Amino acid sequence: MTLTRLSRQKPPSLFITVRFLTRHLSTSKLRDHYSFQPPPSLSLDPQKSKSNPNSHKKQKPKYRPPSSLDQIKPIYSDLPFDFRFSYTESSPTVRPIGLREPKYSPFGPGRLDREWTGVCAPAVDPKVKSLEGTEDPNLEAKRKLLRGRIQGAPLTEAERKFLVEKCQRNRNKRQINLGRDGLTHNMLNDIHNHWKFAEAVRIKCLGVPTVDMKNVCKQLEDKTFGKIIQRHGGTLILYRGRNYNRKKRPVIPLMLWKPQEPVYPRLIKTTIDGLSIEETKEMRKRGLAVPALTKLAKNGYYGSLVPMVRDAFVVSELVRIDCMGFERSDYKKIGCKLRDLVPCILVTFEKEQIVIWRGQDYKPPEDGHFFTDREFFDDPGCDMERSDE
């Protein structure tokens, strides 16, 4: 009976239990005896904490994000050439007929001491107002002098082979990709960044610029002051030079965005020179029906395209190149390069095809020189011959 009665009684509530413990702990002497006193380092009161021995050192200023209201000093660069967005896909000899937008520098307002003409930033006259970005002939001599000073003595055959082997894919993963825009201005900065860690850098070229690999190699050596020591297809090995000093690398202001392309004259006219309107229409119709010489792969290597077209013109006056899947601007650039290198006359770009005509008085060029598929540049005397050319 007693156990049953005790089990029926309600347990004391939580409030009563907490009140009982609080009353007894507040009056206990153990709390005063074993009370915790925080050390000065953990004290919240800064006055009680000890003074920092390194307080005499200057504190770092807090980070403040840059503001457009700050005065930006223009970057001064003494590189002896005009700044362009692409050095391989734009030519100083071709003059645009207008601009698609107002002249706004891709380097940003007030960030460069050169004036942007809409096409380039000339190195000669910083106040130039027209699109005529002609270079001073003295700049070419200055570039050669600067490049010769950086390159120093030519590499021996053993040194070349060592650098080439060091840049192979199985030993080095570093690589710069040169694509549809060709050698761009910001790519110059990437090449110098790679030269911080290695004497040579591997460059992979694909797409439209590979139609004229001779121009790609020339512009790379001219704008970077380096030297190509091997070429296999679209893969180049670019050497920085014996006297290259990474601490004295040139100042290359970066383009913050891609500038708008200006308006150029039409590549294909309504009537071909020397033909009537009916003959032009008939030629375009026949050109689209001609069997395709080749079908280009998108972002492929087109180094053998010009010799193929020259050989095809021996037996046929019209040549069609299939460019299905290409951007319109890409196969227009390919057609423009073929017009200058073969040379030939552009007929049409319809249906993603390039149709070209050899002309009435076609003669195969005798002095046309093209690179072979593989060049090692192992002969030091070859360097002098190429520099003289």
Protein backbone atom coordinates (compact mmCIF):
# COMPACT_ATOMS: atom_id res chain seq x y z
CA MET A 1 0.00 0.00 0.00
CA THR A 2 2.80 2.39 0.80
CA LEU A 3 4.54 1.74 -2.52
CA THR A 4 1.33 2.24 -4.43
CA ARG A 5 0.67 5.53 -2.70
CA LEU A 6 4.16 6.82 -3.41
CA SER A 7 3.93 5.86 -7.05
CA ARG A 8 0.69 7.77 -7.44
CA GLN A 9 2.27 10.99 -6.19
CA LYS A 10 3.26 13.51 -8.92
CA PRO A 11 6.99 14.19 -9.32
CA PRO A 12 8.17 17.67 -8.34
CA SER A 13 7.90 20.18 -11.16
CA LEU A 14 10.96 21.48 -13.03
CA PHE A 15 10.43 25.01 -11.69
CA ILE A 16 10.58 23.83 -8.12
CA THR A 17 13.76 21.86 -8.78
CA VAL A 18 15.57 24.83 -10.41
CA ARG A 19 14.46 27.15 -7.60
CA PHE A 20 15.77 24.73 -4.97
CA LEU A 21 19.19 24.41 -6.66
CA THR A 22 19.53 28.15 -7.16
CA ARG A 23 18.73 28.91 -3.54
CA HIS A 24 21.27 26.42 -2.20
CA LEU A 25 24.03 27.28 -4.69
CA SER A 26 23.72 31.02 -4.02
CA THR A 27 24.30 30.47 -0.35
CA SER A 28 27.04 27.88 -0.80
CA LYS A 29 30.63 28.70 0.12
CA LEU A 30 31.97 26.37 -2.60
CA ARG A 31 31.06 28.84 -5.32
CA ASP A 32 33.16 31.60 -3.71
CA HIS A 33 36.04 29.23 -3.16
CA TYR A 34 36.12 27.68 -6.65
CA SER A 35 34.80 30.61 -8.68
CA PHE A 36 36.38 31.07 -12.16
CA GLN A 37 38.27 34.30 -12.87
CA PRO A 38 38.94 34.86 -16.62
CA PRO A 39 42.52 35.75 -17.60
CA PRO A 40 43.22 39.28 -18.88
CA SER A 41 43.57 38.07 -22.47
CA LEU A 42 39.96 36.86 -22.46
CA SER A 43 38.58 39.85 -20.68
CA LEU A 44 36.00 41.89 -22.59
CA ASP A 45 37.17 45.11 -21.02
CA PRO A 46 39.99 46.56 -23.17
CA GLN A 47 41.25 48.68 -20.28
CA LYS A 48 41.99 45.63 -18.12
CA SER A 49 43.89 43.85 -20.85
CA LYS A 50 47.62 44.31 -21.06
CA SER A 51 49.01 46.58 -23.71
CA ASN A 52 50.19 44.89 -26.94
CA PRO A 53 54.01 44.98 -27.25
CA ASN A 54 53.69 45.48 -31.03
CA SER A 55 51.37 48.46 -30.70
CA HIS A 56 54.08 50.84 -31.94
CA LYS A 57 53.94 49.20 -35.41
CA LYS A 58 51.79 50.83 -38.04
CA GLN A 59 48.53 49.05 -38.61
CA LYS A 60 47.60 47.99 -42.14
CA PRO A 61 45.00 50.25 -43.71
CA LYS A 62 41.65 48.63 -44.29
CA TYR A 63 40.89 47.43 -47.80
CA ARG A 64 38.98 49.94 -49.85
CA PRO A 65 37.60 48.84 -53.23
CA PRO A 66 38.67 50.99 -56.20
CA SER A 67 36.33 53.75 -57.20
CA SER A 68 35.71 55.38 -60.54
CA LEU A 69 36.18 58.74 -58.81
CA ASP A 70 39.84 58.00 -58.11
CA GLN A 71 42.36 59.58 -60.44
CA ILE A 72 43.80 56.85 -62.70
CA LYS A 73 47.33 57.39 -63.95
CA PRO A 74 47.72 56.38 -67.62
CA ILE A 75 50.01 53.43 -68.29
CA TYR A 76 53.12 54.29 -70.29
CA SER A 77 54.37 51.57 -72.62
CA ASP A 78 57.38 52.06 -74.90
CA LEU A 79 56.70 49.02 -77.11
CA PRO A 80 57.69 50.03 -80.67
CA PHE A 81 54.51 49.02 -82.51
CA ASP A 82 50.86 49.98 -82.76
CA PHE A 83 48.49 48.24 -80.34
CA ARG A 84 45.81 46.23 -82.15
CA PHE A 85 43.27 43.72 -80.92
CA SER A 86 44.64 41.07 -83.33
CA TYR A 87 48.00 41.28 -85.07
CA THR A 88 47.44 38.36 -87.47
CA GLU A 89 43.80 38.99 -88.47
CA SER A 90 44.14 42.74 -89.11
CA SER A 91 46.44 44.39 -91.61
CA PRO A 92 47.69 47.99 -91.53
CA THR A 93 47.41 48.13 -95.33
CA VAL A 94 43.61 47.57 -95.33
CA ARG A 95 41.79 50.77 -94.45
CA PRO A 96 38.24 50.68 -93.06
CA ILE A 97 35.54 52.90 -94.52
CA GLY A 98 33.82 53.67 -91.22
CA LEU A 99 33.17 52.72 -87.61
CA ARG A 100 30.22 50.83 -86.13
CA GLU A 101 30.36 52.78 -82.88
CA PRO A 102 32.11 55.88 -81.48
CA LYS A 103 35.83 55.61 -80.83
CA TYR A 104 36.00 54.16 -77.31
CA SER A 105 39.30 52.75 -76.11
CA PRO A 106 39.19 49.03 -75.14
CA PHE A 107 41.87 49.78 -72.54
CA GLY A 108 39.42 51.90 -70.56
CA PRO A 109 39.14 55.68 -70.26
CA GLY A 110 42.36 57.34 -69.18
CA ARG A 111 44.30 54.08 -68.74
CA LEU A 112 46.67 54.45 -71.71
CA ASP A 113 48.78 57.33 -72.96
CA ARG A 114 47.96 56.46 -76.59
CA GLU A 115 44.89 57.58 -78.50
CA TRP A 116 42.57 54.84 -79.83
CA THR A 117 41.66 55.44 -83.49
CA GLY A 118 38.93 52.78 -83.66
CA VAL A 119 41.37 50.30 -85.20
CA CYS A 120 44.62 50.64 -83.25
CA ALA A 121 46.53 52.73 -80.72
CA PRO A 122 49.45 54.21 -82.71
CA ALA A 123 52.88 54.42 -81.13
CA VAL A 124 53.96 57.47 -83.13
CA ASP A 125 51.39 60.21 -82.66
CA PRO A 126 49.32 59.96 -79.45
CA LYS A 127 46.92 62.66 -80.68
CA VAL A 128 46.05 61.03 -84.01
CA LYS A 129 42.39 61.50 -84.90
CA SER A 130 41.98 59.57 -88.16
CA LEU A 131 41.82 55.85 -88.88
CA GLU A 132 45.13 56.02 -90.72
CA GLY A 133 47.30 54.26 -88.13
CA THR A 134 50.50 54.23 -90.18
CA GLU A 135 53.66 53.16 -88.43
CA ASP A 136 56.89 55.13 -88.43
CA PRO A 137 59.61 53.34 -90.46
CA ASN A 138 62.02 53.96 -87.57
CA LEU A 139 59.95 51.61 -85.38
CA GLU A 140 60.93 48.63 -87.53
CA ALA A 141 64.63 49.30 -86.94
CA LYS A 142 63.97 49.79 -83.24
CA ARG A 143 62.17 46.43 -83.04
CA LYS A 144 65.05 44.63 -84.75
CA LEU A 145 67.59 46.25 -82.44
CA LEU A 146 65.59 45.37 -79.32
CA ARG A 147 64.99 41.79 -80.47
CA GLY A 148 68.66 41.26 -81.31
CA ARG A 149 69.68 42.57 -77.89
CA ILE A 150 67.32 40.15 -76.11
CA GLN A 151 68.12 37.10 -78.26
CA GLY A 152 71.89 37.28 -77.97
CA ALA A 153 74.00 34.56 -79.57
CA PRO A 154 72.16 31.87 -81.59
CA LEU A 155 71.35 28.59 -79.88
CA THR A 156 73.44 25.54 -80.61
CA GLU A 157 71.85 22.36 -81.94
CA ALA A 158 72.13 20.65 -78.54
CA GLU A 159 70.47 23.58 -76.77
CA ARG A 160 67.62 23.61 -79.27
CA LYS A 161 66.95 19.91 -78.87
CA PHE A 162 67.02 20.23 -75.08
CA LEU A 163 64.47 23.08 -75.07
CA VAL A 164 62.23 21.34 -77.61
CA GLU A 165 62.24 18.11 -75.61
CA LYS A 166 61.48 20.04 -72.45
CA CYS A 167 58.34 21.56 -74.05
CA GLN A 168 56.86 18.29 -75.30
CA ARG A 169 53.36 17.37 -74.19
CA ASN A 170 54.49 14.32 -72.21
CA ARG A 171 56.82 16.47 -70.08
CA ASN A 172 55.10 19.86 -69.86
CA LYS A 173 51.39 20.64 -69.72
CA ARG A 174 51.79 24.40 -70.13
CA GLN A 175 50.41 25.61 -73.46
CA ILE A 176 48.95 28.74 -75.07
CA ASN A 177 46.08 28.24 -77.52
CA LEU A 178 45.91 30.55 -80.53
CA GLY A 179 42.37 30.43 -81.94
CA ARG A 180 40.04 32.21 -84.34
CA ASP A 181 41.13 35.72 -83.30
CA GLY A 182 44.78 34.94 -83.96
CA LEU A 183 47.57 36.60 -82.02
CA THR A 184 45.65 39.01 -79.79
CA HIS A 185 47.12 41.83 -77.74
CA ASN A 186 46.37 40.20 -74.38
CA MET A 187 48.09 37.01 -75.56
CA LEU A 188 51.40 38.88 -75.47
CA ASN A 189 50.99 39.21 -71.72
CA ASP A 190 50.21 35.47 -71.43
CA ILE A 191 53.41 34.58 -73.29
CA HIS A 192 55.53 36.72 -70.96
CA ASN A 193 53.81 35.15 -67.94
CA HIS A 194 54.78 31.69 -69.23
CA TRP A 195 58.35 32.88 -69.76
CA LYS A 196 58.61 33.51 -66.01
CA PHE A 197 58.81 29.76 -65.39
CA ALA A 198 60.41 28.40 -68.57
CA GLU A 199 62.72 29.57 -71.33
CA ALA A 200 60.36 28.35 -74.07
CA VAL A 201 56.59 28.03 -74.38
CA ARG A 202 54.43 25.77 -76.55
CA ILE A 203 51.77 27.49 -78.69
CA LYS A 204 48.96 25.53 -80.34
CA CYS A 205 47.46 27.24 -83.43
CA LEU A 206 44.05 26.20 -84.77
CA GLY A 207 41.33 27.77 -86.89
CA VAL A 208 41.39 30.61 -89.39
CA PRO A 209 44.93 31.96 -88.68
CA THR A 210 46.52 28.64 -89.73
CA VAL A 211 45.73 29.39 -93.40
CA ASP A 212 48.73 31.75 -93.31
CA MET A 213 51.15 30.20 -90.81
CA LYS A 214 54.01 32.25 -92.23
CA ASN A 215 52.29 35.43 -91.01
CA VAL A 216 51.56 33.87 -87.60
CA CYS A 217 55.24 32.99 -87.08
CA LYS A 218 56.35 36.42 -88.27
CA GLN A 219 53.99 38.31 -85.97
CA LEU A 220 54.88 36.14 -82.97
CA GLU A 221 58.59 36.86 -83.37
CA ASP A 222 57.99 40.53 -84.17
CA LYS A 223 55.68 41.35 -81.25
CA THR A 224 57.17 39.18 -78.50
CA PHE A 225 60.88 39.63 -79.50
CA GLY A 226 61.21 35.84 -79.14
CA LYS A 227 62.30 33.16 -81.61
CA ILE A 228 60.53 30.07 -82.96
CA ILE A 229 62.85 27.09 -82.57
CA GLN A 230 60.48 24.38 -83.82
CA ARG A 231 57.23 24.11 -85.80
CA HIS A 232 55.22 20.96 -86.38
CA GLY A 233 51.92 21.69 -88.12
CA GLY A 234 50.17 24.24 -85.94
CA THR A 235 52.35 23.63 -82.86
CA LEU A 236 55.14 26.16 -82.25
CA ILE A 237 57.93 26.36 -79.67
CA LEU A 238 58.74 30.01 -78.91
CA TYR A 239 62.07 30.76 -77.19
CA ARG A 240 62.44 33.92 -75.09
CA GLY A 241 66.15 34.63 -75.72
CA ARG A 242 69.45 34.37 -73.88
CA ASN A 243 69.40 37.90 -72.42
CA TYR A 244 65.72 37.92 -71.43
CA ASN A 245 65.17 39.40 -67.97
CA ARG A 246 61.75 38.72 -66.50
CA LYS A 247 62.10 41.63 -64.07
CA LYS A 248 62.54 44.00 -67.03
CA ARG A 249 59.74 42.59 -69.16
CA PRO A 250 57.91 45.17 -71.27
CA VAL A 251 54.81 46.90 -69.92
CA ILE A 252 51.78 45.51 -71.78
CA PRO A 253 48.51 47.28 -70.93
CA LEU A 254 45.62 44.83 -71.10
CA MET A 255 42.47 45.32 -73.17
CA LEU A 256 39.44 45.16 -70.91
CA TRP A 257 37.05 44.19 -73.71
CA LYS A 258 37.05 43.32 -77.39
CA PRO A 259 36.65 46.41 -79.59
CA GLN A 260 33.96 46.56 -82.24
CA GLU A 261 35.20 45.73 -85.72
CA PRO A 262 35.09 48.67 -88.16
CA VAL A 263 33.27 48.59 -91.50
CA TYR A 264 35.46 47.33 -94.37
CA PRO A 265 34.72 47.34 -98.12
CA ARG A 266 32.64 44.45 -99.45
CA LEU A 267 34.61 41.34 -100.37
CA ILE A 268 32.23 40.26 -103.16
CA LYS A 269 30.97 42.83 -105.63
CA THR A 270 27.70 42.68 -107.53
CA THR A 271 29.52 41.97 -110.77
CA ILE A 272 32.97 40.47 -111.13
CA ASP A 273 35.49 42.69 -112.92
CA GLY A 274 35.54 41.92 -116.63
CA LEU A 275 32.22 40.03 -116.62
CA SER A 276 28.64 41.10 -117.17
CA ILE A 277 25.78 40.57 -114.73
CA GLU A 278 24.51 37.48 -116.61
CA GLU A 279 27.99 35.94 -116.74
CA THR A 280 28.47 36.61 -113.03
CA LYS A 281 25.17 34.92 -112.14
CA GLU A 282 26.02 31.93 -114.36
CA MET A 283 29.46 31.59 -112.78
CA ARG A 284 28.01 31.61 -109.25
CA LYS A 285 25.49 28.98 -110.26
CA ARG A 286 28.22 26.78 -111.78
CA GLY A 287 30.49 27.31 -108.81
CA LEU A 288 27.95 25.95 -106.33
CA ALA A 289 27.53 22.84 -108.53
CA VAL A 290 31.26 22.09 -108.78
CA PRO A 291 32.44 19.15 -106.60
CA ALA A 292 33.95 20.38 -103.35
CA LEU A 293 37.73 20.43 -103.26
CA THR A 294 37.71 19.73 -99.50
CA LYS A 295 35.45 19.99 -96.48
CA LEU A 296 37.06 22.00 -93.71
CA ALA A 297 36.70 20.81 -90.12
CA LYS A 298 35.67 23.44 -87.62
CA ASN A 299 38.64 24.75 -85.61
CA GLY A 300 41.02 22.57 -87.60
CA TYR A 301 44.44 23.11 -89.15
CA TYR A 302 44.31 24.66 -92.65
CA GLY A 303 48.02 25.05 -93.42
CA SER A 304 47.79 23.01 -96.65
CA LEU A 305 44.73 24.81 -98.06
CA VAL A 306 46.57 27.33 -100.24
CA PRO A 307 48.76 24.72 -102.05
CA MET A 308 45.64 22.60 -102.61
CA VAL A 309 43.82 25.50 -104.27
CA ARG A 310 46.82 26.35 -106.45
CA ASP A 311 47.03 22.74 -107.64
CA ALA A 312 43.27 22.64 -108.32
CA PHE A 313 43.48 25.78 -110.48
CA VAL A 314 45.75 23.92 -112.90
CA VAL A 315 42.84 21.74 -114.07
CA SER A 316 39.77 23.78 -113.10
CA GLU A 317 38.92 27.47 -113.19
CA LEU A 318 36.37 27.26 -110.33
CA VAL A 319 37.03 25.80 -106.88
CA ARG A 320 34.48 25.22 -104.12
CA ILE A 321 35.42 24.75 -100.45
CA ASP A 322 32.78 23.33 -98.10
CA CYS A 323 32.54 25.25 -94.80
CA MET A 324 29.33 23.79 -93.35
CA GLY A 325 28.93 24.60 -89.65
CA PHE A 326 31.31 27.59 -89.71
CA GLU A 327 30.54 31.07 -88.46
CA ARG A 328 29.98 33.46 -91.35
CA SER A 329 32.82 35.70 -90.20
CA ASP A 330 35.20 32.70 -90.16
CA TYR A 331 34.76 31.56 -93.75
CA LYS A 332 34.78 35.18 -94.89
CA LYS A 333 38.22 35.55 -93.31
CA ILE A 334 39.38 32.33 -95.00
CA GLY A 335 38.14 33.61 -98.37
CA CYS A 336 39.93 36.92 -97.84
CA LYS A 337 43.20 35.11 -97.06
CA LEU A 338 42.84 32.90 -100.13
CA ARG A 339 42.24 35.96 -102.30
CA ASP A 340 45.56 37.45 -101.21
CA LEU A 341 47.70 34.30 -101.00
CA VAL A 342 46.65 32.22 -104.03
CA PRO A 343 45.73 34.83 -105.58
CA CYS A 344 42.16 34.42 -106.86
CA ILE A 345 38.79 36.17 -107.24
CA LEU A 346 35.97 35.57 -104.76
CA VAL A 347 32.70 34.53 -106.41
CA THR A 348 30.21 33.80 -103.60
CA PHE A 349 29.78 32.78 -99.95
CA GLU A 350 26.26 31.39 -100.33
CA LYS A 351 25.15 28.20 -98.54
CA GLU A 352 28.26 28.25 -96.33
CA GLN A 353 30.51 27.60 -99.35
CA ILE A 354 33.58 29.46 -100.60
CA VAL A 355 33.59 29.63 -104.41
CA ILE A 356 36.67 31.19 -106.01
CA TRP A 357 37.69 31.82 -109.60
CA ARG A 358 41.24 31.79 -110.90
CA GLY A 359 40.63 34.68 -113.33
CA GLN A 360 41.05 35.07 -117.04
CA ASP A 361 44.84 35.40 -117.14
CA TYR A 362 45.87 33.05 -114.33
CA LYS A 363 49.53 32.26 -113.89
CA PRO A 364 50.74 30.03 -111.01
CA PRO A 365 53.04 32.04 -108.72
CA GLU A 366 56.64 30.98 -109.02
CA ASP A 367 58.02 32.65 -105.92
CA GLY A 368 55.42 31.29 -103.52
CA HIS A 369 57.12 29.86 -100.42
CA PHE A 370 55.29 27.88 -97.76
CA PHE A 371 56.51 26.17 -94.65
CA THR A 372 56.82 22.42 -94.60
CA ASP A 373 54.83 20.40 -92.07
CA ARG A 374 57.79 20.16 -89.71
CA GLU A 375 60.66 22.59 -89.13
CA PHE A 376 63.34 22.10 -86.50
CA PHE A 377 65.56 25.15 -87.17
CA ASP A 378 68.61 23.11 -86.16
CA ASP A 379 71.03 24.94 -88.43
CA PRO A 380 72.23 28.18 -86.77
CA GLY A 381 73.04 29.60 -90.19
CA CYS A 382 69.37 29.31 -91.10
CA ASP A 383 68.61 31.98 -88.50
CA MET A 384 70.74 34.54 -90.29
CA GLU A 385 69.09 33.76 -93.62
CA ARG A 386 65.59 34.08 -92.16
CA SER A 387 66.47 37.34 -90.39
CA ASP A 388 67.87 38.78 -93.62
CA GLU A 389 64.66 37.86 -95.46
